[in-house]
């Protein structure tokens, strides 16, 4: 469960409950969704590039995720869907569209759009 990337908000809340029950007392709903977003984008990048060549880092947690190249240069910025300030709001509205948005932005960043 620790390394699980949730698919939707109920799974994120289930992971939060598991973390709290297993001694991760500083875990919050926002931290789980932030990890879910960052880990999900990183997994998409690793799969598309066939290895961990690019990385991700939060510019503004829950709002702007930066994709960086192998030398640390900025490749792209990932944002929630239009009409949503945060990834948390985006996910709560529609998990399928949340993932499609992330996937579309990753594809554009690697040039597969």
Protein backbone atom coordinates (compact mmCIF):
# COMPACT_ATOMS: atom_id res chain seq x y z
CA UNK A 1 0.00 0.00 0.00
CA UNK A 2 2.90 2.37 0.73
CA UNK A 3 4.04 2.47 -2.91
CA UNK A 4 0.57 2.22 -4.46
CA UNK A 5 -0.39 5.04 -6.82
CA UNK A 6 -4.13 5.52 -6.20
CA UNK A 7 -6.45 5.70 -9.22
CA UNK A 8 -9.12 7.89 -7.68
CA UNK A 9 -10.11 9.83 -4.57
CA UNK A 10 -11.54 6.82 -2.66
CA UNK A 11 -8.25 4.94 -3.16
CA UNK A 12 -6.31 8.04 -2.07
CA UNK A 13 -8.39 8.22 1.12
CA UNK A 14 -7.88 4.49 1.67
CA UNK A 15 -4.12 5.00 1.34
CA UNK A 16 -4.29 7.92 3.79
CA UNK A 17 -6.08 5.72 6.33
CA UNK A 18 -3.46 2.99 5.85
CA UNK A 19 -0.62 5.49 6.28
CA UNK A 20 -2.14 6.86 9.50
CA UNK A 21 -2.72 3.32 10.84
CA UNK A 22 0.90 2.41 10.11
CA UNK A 23 2.65 5.29 11.82
CA UNK A 24 2.76 7.93 9.09
CA UNK A 25 1.03 10.48 11.30
CA UNK A 26 2.07 13.50 9.23
CA UNK A 27 0.25 12.22 6.13
CA UNK A 28 -2.65 14.38 4.97
CA UNK A 29 -5.23 14.18 2.19
CA UNK A 30 -3.28 16.84 0.30
CA UNK A 31 0.07 15.06 0.74
CA UNK A 32 -1.38 11.78 -0.56
CA UNK A 33 -2.88 13.53 -3.61
CA UNK A 34 0.38 15.42 -4.20
CA UNK A 35 2.31 12.13 -4.09
CA UNK A 36 -0.32 10.51 -6.32
CA UNK A 37 0.03 13.29 -8.90
CA UNK A 38 3.82 13.39 -8.85
CA UNK A 39 4.25 9.60 -8.81
CA UNK A 40 1.67 9.19 -11.58
CA UNK A 41 3.39 11.72 -13.85
CA UNK A 42 6.80 10.20 -13.05
CA UNK A 43 5.50 6.73 -13.94
CA UNK A 44 4.13 8.03 -17.25
CA UNK A 45 7.49 9.62 -18.05
CA UNK A 46 9.47 6.50 -17.09
CA UNK A 47 7.22 4.33 -19.25
CA UNK A 48 7.28 6.65 -22.27
CA UNK A 49 11.03 7.25 -22.12
CA UNK A 50 11.80 3.62 -21.20
CA UNK A 51 13.68 4.65 -18.08
CA UNK A 52 14.01 7.32 -15.39
CA UNK A 53 15.61 9.97 -17.60
CA UNK A 54 13.38 12.88 -16.63
CA UNK A 55 12.19 13.89 -13.19
CA UNK A 56 9.41 15.81 -11.52
CA UNK A 57 9.39 18.42 -8.76
CA UNK A 58 6.75 20.63 -7.24
CA UNK A 59 7.00 24.31 -8.12
CA UNK A 60 3.82 24.95 -6.11
CA UNK A 61 2.47 21.88 -4.30
CA UNK A 62 -0.96 20.83 -5.58
CA UNK A 63 -0.82 23.52 -8.30
CA UNK A 64 2.23 23.32 -10.60
CA UNK A 65 4.41 20.24 -11.20
CA UNK A 66 7.62 20.78 -13.17
CA UNK A 67 9.07 18.13 -15.47
CA UNK A 68 12.87 18.32 -15.59
CA UNK A 69 15.35 16.83 -18.02
CA UNK A 70 18.35 14.67 -17.20
CA UNK A 71 20.48 17.76 -16.52
CA UNK A 72 17.83 19.37 -14.33
CA UNK A 73 16.60 21.75 -17.02
CA UNK A 74 12.90 22.57 -17.11
CA UNK A 75 11.06 20.67 -19.86
CA UNK A 76 7.45 21.52 -19.05
CA UNK A 77 5.00 22.47 -16.33
CA UNK A 78 1.95 20.36 -15.55
CA UNK A 79 -1.22 22.11 -14.36
CA UNK A 80 -4.70 21.04 -13.25
CA UNK A 81 -7.50 21.22 -15.82
CA UNK A 82 -8.92 24.63 -16.68
CA UNK A 83 -11.38 25.76 -14.06
CA UNK A 84 -9.50 24.10 -11.19
CA UNK A 85 -6.86 25.81 -9.05
CA UNK A 86 -5.47 22.59 -7.60
CA UNK A 87 -4.96 18.97 -8.55
CA UNK A 88 -7.02 18.06 -5.46
CA UNK A 89 -10.04 19.93 -6.84
CA UNK A 90 -9.45 18.44 -10.29
CA UNK A 91 -9.34 14.89 -8.90
CA UNK A 92 -12.40 15.41 -6.69
CA UNK A 93 -14.39 16.60 -9.72
CA UNK A 94 -13.59 13.72 -12.09
CA UNK A 95 -10.76 11.21 -11.66
CA UNK A 96 -10.85 10.05 -15.29
CA UNK A 97 -10.47 13.59 -16.65
CA UNK A 98 -7.76 14.26 -14.03
CA UNK A 99 -5.67 11.36 -15.42
CA UNK A 100 -6.42 12.27 -19.06
CA UNK A 101 -5.21 15.80 -18.39
CA UNK A 102 -1.96 14.56 -16.84
CA UNK A 103 -1.43 12.11 -19.70
CA UNK A 104 -2.04 14.78 -22.36
CA UNK A 105 0.45 17.14 -20.74
CA UNK A 106 3.09 14.41 -20.41
CA UNK A 107 2.57 13.45 -24.07
CA UNK A 108 2.99 17.07 -25.12
CA UNK A 109 6.17 17.38 -23.02
CA UNK A 110 7.80 14.35 -24.64
CA UNK A 111 6.60 15.29 -28.12
CA UNK A 112 3.99 12.57 -28.61
CA UNK A 113 0.96 14.84 -28.81
